Amino acid sequence: MIIKSKSYKTTKSFSTVLNYIFRENERNNGFEFTKFIKGKNLFPEELSSQFRSNEQFRLNRRKNNVVLYMDILSFHPRDAERLTNDKLHQIALKYLSLRAPKSIAVATVHRNEKYHTHLHLVFSGIEYKTGKSIRMSKEDFQNKVKLEMENYQKLVFPELLLSQIQHEKSFIPKKEQKKDSEIIMEYEGEISEKQKILKLLEEVFTTATSEKDFYQKLEAKEIKRYSRNGKITGIEGNRKFRFSRLGYTPELLQSLEQDPTQNQRLEWLQNIREKSQEKERKW
């Protein structure tokens, strides 16, 4: 399971976000349910009107108040056939009980043609009719919502194997931690194009004697490179990968001119790996 949280600070979002989650193109075999909403089978504009009315109860008004949240819970495609609407309904209820137990809310499930199943949970930035903000710190969100949801999923729905992610950082040495994408690739016996490129770049970086030599070694391996404004910028495969986005900044490549030791190179590569993992971590 991957959890993403988006916040909105204008009341216009009530209409735009609700229209977005109720769009027709991805609602096949899905469902929706509401919390603290009056009426059934309402149109997005009718729902947004109730969100807007509840916003009038806000106690502390500031220019940058978050008026609406949309949290997205995504599951691995290979778990799609095991994700019944009943299970998704239970997961949505559990999530809202942890993140927004007293807020007006709407939840929908979407299943598109690629079997990417995900829940959209839209809820007010304040409690229903009390006006109290439901703002949560990053630490509380991690410990009281994300970790709790992961434990709940493991306990109640252990069959959702590919949608499970490990969180016990204190028990796993940093070098041995794996992202969810790596776990999935190992399970399926696959490796992504990006992982192949990162492995190749590490191999070349450990032996290159200069930035120019780095590029020449890539060329010798018949790796297609691309340039911008006459400067080699990255690698082009099924899609483009910029060197700097992969951690190989101009400064790092220029440092090869200083003839760094093997230990220095390995230390730099470890920093690249850690920064890459931090960027891609979605929990």
C-alpha atoms as a PDB file:
ATOM      1  CA  MET A   1       0.000   0.000   0.000  1.00  0.00           C
ATOM      2  CA  ILE A   2       1.223   3.480  -0.852  1.00  0.00           C
ATOM      3  CA  ILE A   3      -0.305   6.475   0.917  1.00  0.00           C
ATOM      4  CA  LYS A   4      -0.174   9.956  -0.578  1.00  0.00           C
ATOM      5  CA  SER A   5      -1.724  12.990   1.073  1.00  0.00           C
ATOM      6  CA  LYS A   6      -2.614  16.210  -0.721  1.00  0.00           C
ATOM      7  CA  SER A   7      -3.903  19.380   0.922  1.00  0.00           C
ATOM      8  CA  TYR A   8      -5.883  22.289  -0.519  1.00  0.00           C
ATOM      9  CA  LYS A   9      -6.224  25.820   0.818  1.00  0.00           C
ATOM     10  CA  THR A  10      -9.072  27.313  -1.222  1.00  0.00           C
ATOM     11  CA  THR A  11     -12.780  26.563  -1.028  1.00  0.00           C
ATOM     12  CA  LYS A  12     -12.786  26.234  -4.811  1.00  0.00           C
ATOM     13  CA  SER A  13     -11.136  22.853  -4.235  1.00  0.00           C
ATOM     14  CA  PHE A  14     -14.372  21.454  -2.791  1.00  0.00           C
ATOM     15  CA  SER A  15     -15.846  21.436  -6.268  1.00  0.00           C
ATOM     16  CA  THR A  16     -12.741  20.608  -8.318  1.00  0.00           C
ATOM     17  CA  VAL A  17     -11.557  17.713  -6.132  1.00  0.00           C
ATOM     18  CA  LEU A  18     -14.984  16.118  -5.771  1.00  0.00           C
ATOM     19  CA  ASN A  19     -15.589  16.374  -9.512  1.00  0.00           C
ATOM     20  CA  TYR A  20     -12.215  14.730 -10.023  1.00  0.00           C
ATOM     21  CA  ILE A  21     -12.892  11.685  -7.831  1.00  0.00           C
ATOM     22  CA  PHE A  22     -16.359  11.210  -9.320  1.00  0.00           C
ATOM     23  CA  ARG A  23     -15.189  11.276 -12.930  1.00  0.00           C
ATOM     24  CA  GLU A  24     -16.662   8.410 -14.904  1.00  0.00           C
ATOM     25  CA  ASN A  25     -13.636   7.013 -16.736  1.00  0.00           C
ATOM     26  CA  GLU A  26     -12.212   5.094 -13.759  1.00  0.00           C
ATOM     27  CA  ARG A  27     -15.274   4.184 -11.712  1.00  0.00           C
ATOM     28  CA  ASN A  28     -15.964   0.766 -13.190  1.00  0.00           C
ATOM     29  CA  ASN A  29     -16.921  -1.754 -10.504  1.00  0.00           C
ATOM     30  CA  GLY A  30     -16.165   0.772  -7.791  1.00  0.00           C
ATOM     31  CA  PHE A  31     -18.164   2.277  -4.970  1.00  0.00           C
ATOM     32  CA  GLU A  32     -18.411   5.387  -2.867  1.00  0.00           C
ATOM     33  CA  PHE A  33     -19.508   6.148   0.665  1.00  0.00           C
ATOM     34  CA  THR A  34     -19.897   9.282   2.738  1.00  0.00           C
ATOM     35  CA  LYS A  35     -19.543  10.364   6.342  1.00  0.00           C
ATOM     36  CA  PHE A  36     -21.531  13.190   7.982  1.00  0.00           C
ATOM     37  CA  ILE A  37     -23.150  13.846   4.593  1.00  0.00           C
ATOM     38  CA  LYS A  38     -26.902  14.415   4.392  1.00  0.00           C
ATOM     39  CA  GLY A  39     -28.649  12.608   1.560  1.00  0.00           C
ATOM     40  CA  LYS A  40     -27.679   9.838  -0.834  1.00  0.00           C
ATOM     41  CA  ASN A  41     -26.540   9.612  -4.460  1.00  0.00           C
ATOM     42  CA  LEU A  42     -25.629  13.284  -4.482  1.00  0.00           C
ATOM     43  CA  PHE A  43     -23.893  15.103  -7.320  1.00  0.00           C
ATOM     44  CA  PRO A  44     -20.408  16.558  -6.696  1.00  0.00           C
ATOM     45  CA  GLU A  45     -21.785  20.101  -6.487  1.00  0.00           C
ATOM     46  CA  GLU A  46     -24.277  19.030  -3.819  1.00  0.00           C
ATOM     47  CA  LEU A  47     -21.479  17.396  -1.852  1.00  0.00           C
ATOM     48  CA  SER A  48     -19.194  20.409  -2.200  1.00  0.00           C
ATOM     49  CA  SER A  49     -21.988  22.620  -0.882  1.00  0.00           C
ATOM     50  CA  GLN A  50     -22.045  20.606   2.355  1.00  0.00           C
ATOM     51  CA  PHE A  51     -18.263  20.837   2.675  1.00  0.00           C
ATOM     52  CA  ARG A  52     -18.504  24.586   2.121  1.00  0.00           C
ATOM     53  CA  SER A  53     -21.221  24.937   4.759  1.00  0.00           C
ATOM     54  CA  ASN A  54     -19.153  23.017   7.294  1.00  0.00           C
ATOM     55  CA  GLU A  55     -16.167  25.298   6.633  1.00  0.00           C
ATOM     56  CA  GLN A  56     -18.204  28.139   8.148  1.00  0.00           C
ATOM     57  CA  PHE A  57     -17.722  26.534  11.576  1.00  0.00           C
ATOM     58  CA  ARG A  58     -13.921  27.004  11.467  1.00  0.00           C
ATOM     59  CA  LEU A  59     -12.666  28.437  14.756  1.00  0.00           C
ATOM     60  CA  ASN A  60      -9.296  29.865  13.790  1.00  0.00           C
ATOM     61  CA  ARG A  61      -9.217  31.513  10.398  1.00  0.00           C
ATOM     62  CA  ARG A  62      -5.941  32.224   8.636  1.00  0.00           C
ATOM     63  CA  LYS A  63      -5.022  32.871   5.031  1.00  0.00           C
ATOM     64  CA  ASN A  64      -3.240  29.532   4.629  1.00  0.00           C
ATOM     65  CA  ASN A  65      -5.790  27.283   6.360  1.00  0.00           C
ATOM     66  CA  VAL A  66      -6.031  23.812   4.829  1.00  0.00           C
ATOM     67  CA  VAL A  67      -9.705  23.427   3.983  1.00  0.00           C
ATOM     68  CA  LEU A  68      -9.576  20.016   2.314  1.00  0.00           C
ATOM     69  CA  TYR A  69      -7.454  16.883   2.150  1.00  0.00           C
ATOM     70  CA  MET A  70      -7.399  14.177  -0.491  1.00  0.00           C
ATOM     71  CA  ASP A  71      -5.511  11.080   0.591  1.00  0.00           C
ATOM     72  CA  ILE A  72      -4.869   8.319  -1.927  1.00  0.00           C
ATOM     73  CA  LEU A  73      -4.313   4.692  -0.965  1.00  0.00           C
ATOM     74  CA  SER A  74      -2.822   2.685  -3.830  1.00  0.00           C
ATOM     75  CA  PHE A  75      -2.336  -1.058  -4.122  1.00  0.00           C
ATOM     76  CA  HIS A  76      -0.112  -3.228  -6.268  1.00  0.00           C
ATOM     77  CA  PRO A  77      -1.767  -4.327  -9.556  1.00  0.00           C
ATOM     78  CA  ARG A  78      -1.135  -7.999  -8.779  1.00  0.00           C
ATOM     79  CA  ASP A  79      -3.309  -7.645  -5.667  1.00  0.00           C
ATOM     80  CA  ALA A  80      -6.259  -6.305  -7.689  1.00  0.00           C
ATOM     81  CA  GLU A  81      -8.134  -9.604  -7.906  1.00  0.00           C
ATOM     82  CA  ARG A  82      -7.976  -9.963  -4.114  1.00  0.00           C
ATOM     83  CA  LEU A  83      -9.224  -6.441  -3.458  1.00  0.00           C
ATOM     84  CA  THR A  84     -12.974  -6.859  -3.160  1.00  0.00           C
ATOM     85  CA  ASN A  85     -15.164  -3.844  -2.534  1.00  0.00           C
ATOM     86  CA  ASP A  86     -15.880  -5.168   0.955  1.00  0.00           C
ATOM     87  CA  LYS A  87     -12.173  -5.211   1.819  1.00  0.00           C
ATOM     88  CA  LEU A  88     -11.657  -1.755   0.357  1.00  0.00           C
ATOM     89  CA  HIS A  89     -14.626  -0.454   2.324  1.00  0.00           C
ATOM     90  CA  GLN A  90     -13.112  -1.790   5.548  1.00  0.00           C
ATOM     91  CA  ILE A  91      -9.713  -0.291   4.704  1.00  0.00           C
ATOM     92  CA  ALA A  92     -11.277   3.101   3.963  1.00  0.00           C
ATOM     93  CA  LEU A  93     -13.233   3.082   7.230  1.00  0.00           C
ATOM     94  CA  LYS A  94     -10.126   2.172   9.204  1.00  0.00           C
ATOM     95  CA  TYR A  95      -8.089   4.903   7.549  1.00  0.00           C
ATOM     96  CA  LEU A  96     -10.677   7.584   8.241  1.00  0.00           C
ATOM     97  CA  SER A  97     -10.986   6.419  11.857  1.00  0.00           C
ATOM     98  CA  LEU A  98      -7.259   7.099  12.262  1.00  0.00           C
ATOM     99  CA  ARG A  99      -6.822  10.235  10.170  1.00  0.00           C
ATOM    100  CA  ALA A 100     -10.139  12.090  10.275  1.00  0.00           C
ATOM    101  CA  PRO A 101     -12.602  10.397  12.676  1.00  0.00           C
ATOM    102  CA  LYS A 102     -14.758  13.500  13.157  1.00  0.00           C
ATOM    103  CA  SER A 103     -14.584  15.091   9.715  1.00  0.00           C
ATOM    104  CA  ILE A 104     -17.086  15.229   6.904  1.00  0.00           C
ATOM    105  CA  ALA A 105     -15.731  12.820   4.292  1.00  0.00           C
ATOM    106  CA  VAL A 106     -16.285  11.121   0.943  1.00  0.00           C
ATOM    107  CA  ALA A 107     -14.479   7.979  -0.223  1.00  0.00           C
ATOM    108  CA  THR A 108     -14.401   6.375  -3.655  1.00  0.00           C
ATOM    109  CA  VAL A 109     -12.590   3.403  -5.134  1.00  0.00           C
ATOM    110  CA  HIS A 110     -11.224   3.466  -8.662  1.00  0.00           C
ATOM    111  CA  ARG A 111     -10.225   0.535 -10.808  1.00  0.00           C
ATOM    112  CA  ASN A 112      -8.801   1.444 -14.202  1.00  0.00           C
ATOM    113  CA  GLU A 113      -7.970  -0.681 -17.211  1.00  0.00           C
ATOM    114  CA  LYS A 114      -4.473  -1.435 -15.904  1.00  0.00           C
ATOM    115  CA  TYR A 115      -5.885  -2.925 -12.703  1.00  0.00           C
ATOM    116  CA  HIS A 116      -4.406  -0.123 -10.639  1.00  0.00           C
ATOM    117  CA  THR A 117      -6.797  -0.068  -7.713  1.00  0.00           C
ATOM    118  CA  HIS A 118      -6.758   2.953  -5.458  1.00  0.00           C
ATOM    119  CA  LEU A 119      -8.942   4.629  -2.860  1.00  0.00           C
ATOM    120  CA  HIS A 120      -9.604   8.356  -2.838  1.00  0.00           C
ATOM    121  CA  LEU A 121     -10.481   9.702   0.593  1.00  0.00           C
ATOM    122  CA  VAL A 122     -11.566  13.335   0.640  1.00  0.00           C
ATOM    123  CA  PHE A 123     -12.202  14.993   3.990  1.00  0.00           C
ATOM    124  CA  SER A 124     -12.554  18.430   5.509  1.00  0.00           C
ATOM    125  CA  GLY A 125      -9.669  20.219   7.207  1.00  0.00           C
ATOM    126  CA  ILE A 126     -11.842  20.684  10.287  1.00  0.00           C
ATOM    127  CA  GLU A 127     -14.092  18.482  12.402  1.00  0.00           C
ATOM    128  CA  TYR A 128     -17.764  18.293  11.526  1.00  0.00           C
ATOM    129  CA  LYS A 129     -19.632  21.254  13.065  1.00  0.00           C
ATOM    130  CA  THR A 130     -16.983  21.912  15.762  1.00  0.00           C
ATOM    131  CA  GLY A 131     -14.597  23.891  13.565  1.00  0.00           C
ATOM    132  CA  LYS A 132     -11.509  22.323  15.157  1.00  0.00           C
ATOM    133  CA  SER A 133      -8.556  21.840  12.822  1.00  0.00           C
ATOM    134  CA  ILE A 134      -7.475  18.250  12.148  1.00  0.00           C
ATOM    135  CA  ARG A 135      -3.920  19.247  11.247  1.00  0.00           C
ATOM    136  CA  MET A 136      -1.430  16.472  12.005  1.00  0.00           C
ATOM    137  CA  SER A 137       2.357  16.656  12.250  1.00  0.00           C
ATOM    138  CA  LYS A 138       4.497  14.537   9.926  1.00  0.00           C
ATOM    139  CA  GLU A 139       5.616  12.458  12.901  1.00  0.00           C
ATOM    140  CA  ASP A 140       2.048  11.772  14.031  1.00  0.00           C
ATOM    141  CA  PHE A 141       0.986  11.019  10.468  1.00  0.00           C
ATOM    142  CA  GLN A 142       3.790   8.475  10.197  1.00  0.00           C
ATOM    143  CA  ASN A 143       3.247   6.828  13.580  1.00  0.00           C
ATOM    144  CA  LYS A 144      -0.496   7.157  14.122  1.00  0.00           C
ATOM    145  CA  VAL A 145      -1.740   6.662  10.571  1.00  0.00           C
ATOM    146  CA  LYS A 146       0.745   5.064   8.190  1.00  0.00           C
ATOM    147  CA  LEU A 147       2.274   2.534  10.559  1.00  0.00           C
ATOM    148  CA  GLU A 148      -1.106   1.752  12.081  1.00  0.00           C
ATOM    149  CA  MET A 149      -2.563   1.143   8.626  1.00  0.00           C
ATOM    150  CA  GLU A 150       0.305  -1.136   7.699  1.00  0.00           C
ATOM    151  CA  ASN A 151      -0.133  -3.163  10.890  1.00  0.00           C
ATOM    152  CA  TYR A 152      -3.883  -3.322  10.300  1.00  0.00           C
ATOM    153  CA  GLN A 153      -3.418  -4.556   6.744  1.00  0.00           C
ATOM    154  CA  LYS A 154      -0.923  -7.236   7.783  1.00  0.00           C
ATOM    155  CA  LEU A 155      -3.228  -8.466  10.531  1.00  0.00           C
ATOM    156  CA  VAL A 156      -6.596  -8.321   8.764  1.00  0.00           C
ATOM    157  CA  PHE A 157      -5.628  -8.787   5.103  1.00  0.00           C
ATOM    158  CA  PRO A 158      -2.327 -10.723   5.033  1.00  0.00           C
ATOM    159  CA  GLU A 159      -3.222 -12.024   1.566  1.00  0.00           C
ATOM    160  CA  LEU A 160      -2.404  -8.575   0.123  1.00  0.00           C
ATOM    161  CA  LEU A 161       1.217  -9.650  -0.059  1.00  0.00           C
ATOM    162  CA  LEU A 162       2.526  -7.257  -2.680  1.00  0.00           C
ATOM    163  CA  SER A 163       0.885  -4.228  -1.084  1.00  0.00           C
ATOM    164  CA  GLN A 164       2.782  -4.646   2.169  1.00  0.00           C
ATOM    165  CA  ILE A 165       5.738  -2.438   3.004  1.00  0.00           C
ATOM    166  CA  GLN A 166       8.235  -2.810   5.857  1.00  0.00           C
ATOM    167  CA  HIS A 167       8.546   0.094   8.315  1.00  0.00           C
ATOM    168  CA  GLU A 168      10.617  -1.203  11.235  1.00  0.00           C
ATOM    169  CA  LYS A 169      13.624   0.979  10.434  1.00  0.00           C
ATOM    170  CA  SER A 170      15.225   0.556  13.861  1.00  0.00           C
ATOM    171  CA  PHE A 171      15.367  -3.214  13.422  1.00  0.00           C
ATOM    172  CA  ILE A 172      16.847  -3.248   9.903  1.00  0.00           C
ATOM    173  CA  PRO A 173      20.344  -1.938   9.114  1.00  0.00           C
ATOM    174  CA  LYS A 174      20.090   0.970   6.696  1.00  0.00           C
ATOM    175  CA  LYS A 175      22.090  -0.784   3.978  1.00  0.00           C
ATOM    176  CA  GLU A 176      19.714  -3.752   4.110  1.00  0.00           C
ATOM    177  CA  GLN A 177      16.483  -1.754   3.814  1.00  0.00           C
ATOM    178  CA  LYS A 178      14.536  -2.183   0.607  1.00  0.00           C
ATOM    179  CA  LYS A 179      11.928  -0.005  -1.074  1.00  0.00           C
ATOM    180  CA  ASP A 180       8.559  -1.488  -1.914  1.00  0.00           C
ATOM    181  CA  SER A 181       9.466  -1.347  -5.613  1.00  0.00           C
ATOM    182  CA  GLU A 182      12.521  -3.530  -4.979  1.00  0.00           C
ATOM    183  CA  ILE A 183      10.473  -6.044  -2.987  1.00  0.00           C
ATOM    184  CA  ILE A 184       7.947  -6.280  -5.820  1.00  0.00           C
ATOM    185  CA  MET A 185      10.641  -6.692  -8.468  1.00  0.00           C
ATOM    186  CA  GLU A 186      12.307  -9.479  -6.496  1.00  0.00           C
ATOM    187  CA  TYR A 187       8.975 -11.204  -6.022  1.00  0.00           C
ATOM    188  CA  GLU A 188       8.205 -11.035  -9.743  1.00  0.00           C
ATOM    189  CA  GLY A 189      11.762 -11.831 -10.846  1.00  0.00           C
ATOM    190  CA  GLU A 190      11.986  -8.521 -12.648  1.00  0.00           C
ATOM    191  CA  ILE A 191      14.219  -5.462 -12.493  1.00  0.00           C
ATOM    192  CA  SER A 192      13.268  -1.996 -13.718  1.00  0.00           C
ATOM    193  CA  GLU A 193      15.095  -0.072 -16.399  1.00  0.00           C
ATOM    194  CA  LYS A 194      16.088   2.522 -13.814  1.00  0.00           C
ATOM    195  CA  GLN A 195      17.627  -0.123 -11.559  1.00  0.00           C
ATOM    196  CA  LYS A 196      19.620  -1.494 -14.490  1.00  0.00           C
ATOM    197  CA  ILE A 197      20.910   1.978 -15.319  1.00  0.00           C
ATOM    198  CA  LEU A 198      21.851   2.719 -11.707  1.00  0.00           C
ATOM    199  CA  LYS A 199      23.782  -0.537 -11.515  1.00  0.00           C
ATOM    200  CA  LEU A 200      25.584   0.274 -14.766  1.00  0.00           C
ATOM    201  CA  LEU A 201      26.456   3.806 -13.626  1.00  0.00           C
ATOM    202  CA  GLU A 202      27.939   2.458 -10.401  1.00  0.00           C
ATOM    203  CA  GLU A 203      30.075   0.020 -12.359  1.00  0.00           C
ATOM    204  CA  VAL A 204      31.396   2.764 -14.640  1.00  0.00           C
ATOM    205  CA  PHE A 205      31.882   5.292 -11.834  1.00  0.00           C
ATOM    206  CA  THR A 206      34.132   2.976  -9.822  1.00  0.00           C
ATOM    207  CA  THR A 207      36.677   2.777 -12.678  1.00  0.00           C
ATOM    208  CA  ALA A 208      36.368   6.116 -14.528  1.00  0.00           C
ATOM    209  CA  THR A 209      39.373   8.440 -14.261  1.00  0.00           C
ATOM    210  CA  SER A 210      37.580  11.627 -15.326  1.00  0.00           C
ATOM    211  CA  GLU A 211      34.202  12.986 -16.376  1.00  0.00           C
ATOM    212  CA  LYS A 212      35.192  12.500 -20.013  1.00  0.00           C
ATOM    213  CA  ASP A 213      36.302   8.931 -19.307  1.00  0.00           C
ATOM    214  CA  PHE A 214      32.977   8.316 -17.546  1.00  0.00           C
ATOM    215  CA  TYR A 215      31.080   9.265 -20.719  1.00  0.00           C
ATOM    216  CA  GLN A 216      33.455   7.283 -22.938  1.00  0.00           C
ATOM    217  CA  LYS A 217      33.004   4.134 -20.869  1.00  0.00           C
ATOM    218  CA  LEU A 218      29.229   4.489 -21.225  1.00  0.00           C
ATOM    219  CA  GLU A 219      29.647   4.906 -24.974  1.00  0.00           C
ATOM    220  CA  ALA A 220      31.831   1.779 -25.088  1.00  0.00           C
ATOM    221  CA  LYS A 221      28.950  -0.129 -23.511  1.00  0.00           C
ATOM    222  CA  GLU A 222      26.704   1.139 -26.332  1.00  0.00           C
ATOM    223  CA  ILE A 223      24.646   3.249 -23.950  1.00  0.00           C
ATOM    224  CA  LYS A 224      22.747   5.992 -25.739  1.00  0.00           C
ATOM    225  CA  ARG A 225      23.322   9.404 -24.205  1.00  0.00           C
ATOM    226  CA  TYR A 226      21.512  12.672 -24.820  1.00  0.00           C
ATOM    227  CA  SER A 227      22.678  16.279 -24.624  1.00  0.00           C
ATOM    228  CA  ARG A 228      21.260  19.719 -23.918  1.00  0.00           C
ATOM    229  CA  ASN A 229      22.950  22.886 -25.124  1.00  0.00           C
ATOM    230  CA  GLY A 230      25.946  20.836 -26.232  1.00  0.00           C
ATOM    231  CA  LYS A 231      26.434  19.243 -22.808  1.00  0.00           C
ATOM    232  CA  ILE A 232      25.934  15.515 -22.154  1.00  0.00           C
ATOM    233  CA  THR A 233      23.020  15.419 -19.739  1.00  0.00           C
ATOM    234  CA  GLY A 234      21.819  11.861 -19.296  1.00  0.00           C
ATOM    235  CA  ILE A 235      20.961   8.430 -20.650  1.00  0.00           C
ATOM    236  CA  GLU A 236      18.155   7.674 -23.061  1.00  0.00           C
ATOM    237  CA  GLY A 237      16.429   4.296 -22.893  1.00  0.00           C
ATOM    238  CA  ASN A 238      12.688   3.720 -23.005  1.00  0.00           C
ATOM    239  CA  ARG A 239      12.655   7.120 -21.325  1.00  0.00           C
ATOM    240  CA  LYS A 240      15.272   9.731 -20.465  1.00  0.00           C
ATOM    241  CA  PHE A 241      17.234   9.627 -17.219  1.00  0.00           C
ATOM    242  CA  ARG A 242      19.130  12.779 -16.287  1.00  0.00           C
ATOM    243  CA  PHE A 243      22.487  12.143 -14.577  1.00  0.00           C
ATOM    244  CA  SER A 244      21.856  14.781 -11.909  1.00  0.00           C
ATOM    245  CA  ARG A 245      18.461  13.290 -11.049  1.00  0.00           C
ATOM    246  CA  LEU A 246      20.162   9.923 -10.557  1.00  0.00           C
ATOM    247  CA  GLY A 247      22.683  11.487  -8.173  1.00  0.00           C
ATOM    248  CA  TYR A 248      25.544  11.947 -10.632  1.00  0.00           C
ATOM    249  CA  THR A 249      25.840  15.723 -10.464  1.00  0.00           C
ATOM    250  CA  PRO A 250      28.404  17.704 -12.513  1.00  0.00           C
ATOM    251  CA  GLU A 251      30.356  18.328  -9.292  1.00  0.00           C
ATOM    252  CA  LEU A 252      30.528  14.609  -8.521  1.00  0.00           C
ATOM    253  CA  LEU A 253      31.681  13.690 -12.022  1.00  0.00           C
ATOM    254  CA  GLN A 254      34.278  16.467 -12.005  1.00  0.00           C
ATOM    255  CA  SER A 255      35.642  15.076  -8.732  1.00  0.00           C
ATOM    256  CA  LEU A 256      36.909  12.077 -10.708  1.00  0.00           C
ATOM    257  CA  GLU A 257      39.725  14.347 -11.911  1.00  0.00           C
ATOM    258  CA  GLN A 258      41.120  14.253  -8.355  1.00  0.00           C
ATOM    259  CA  ASP A 259      41.785  10.502  -8.611  1.00  0.00           C
ATOM    260  CA  PRO A 260      39.667   9.567  -5.556  1.00  0.00           C
ATOM    261  CA  THR A 261      40.413   6.366  -3.679  1.00  0.00           C
ATOM    262  CA  GLN A 262      38.158   3.355  -4.038  1.00  0.00           C
ATOM    263  CA  ASN A 263      36.827   3.931  -0.517  1.00  0.00           C
ATOM    264  CA  GLN A 264      35.900   7.513  -1.406  1.00  0.00           C
ATOM    265  CA  ARG A 265      34.064   6.321  -4.505  1.00  0.00           C
ATOM    266  CA  LEU A 266      32.169   3.691  -2.536  1.00  0.00           C
ATOM    267  CA  GLU A 267      31.204   6.289   0.064  1.00  0.00           C
ATOM    268  CA  TRP A 268      29.906   8.626  -2.648  1.00  0.00           C
ATOM    269  CA  LEU A 269      27.947   5.781  -4.238  1.00  0.00           C
ATOM    270  CA  GLN A 270      26.381   4.925  -0.888  1.00  0.00           C
ATOM    271  CA  ASN A 271      25.259   8.552  -0.517  1.00  0.00           C
ATOM    272  CA  ILE A 272      23.704   8.384  -3.988  1.00  0.00           C
ATOM    273  CA  ARG A 273      21.798   5.217  -3.058  1.00  0.00           C
ATOM    274  CA  GLU A 274      20.488   6.718   0.170  1.00  0.00           C
ATOM    275  CA  LYS A 275      19.362   9.939  -1.509  1.00  0.00           C
ATOM    276  CA  SER A 276      17.655   7.944  -4.261  1.00  0.00           C
ATOM    277  CA  GLN A 277      15.790   5.855  -1.700  1.00  0.00           C
ATOM    278  CA  GLU A 278      14.732   8.982   0.192  1.00  0.00           C
ATOM    279  CA  LYS A 279      13.313  10.529  -2.989  1.00  0.00           C
ATOM    280  CA  GLU A 280      11.336   7.437  -3.946  1.00  0.00           C
ATOM    281  CA  ARG A 281      10.077   6.487  -0.501  1.00  0.00           C
ATOM    282  CA  LYS A 282       6.329   7.112  -0.502  1.00  0.00           C
ATOM    283  CA  TRP A 283       5.517   6.258   3.009  1.00  0.00           C
END
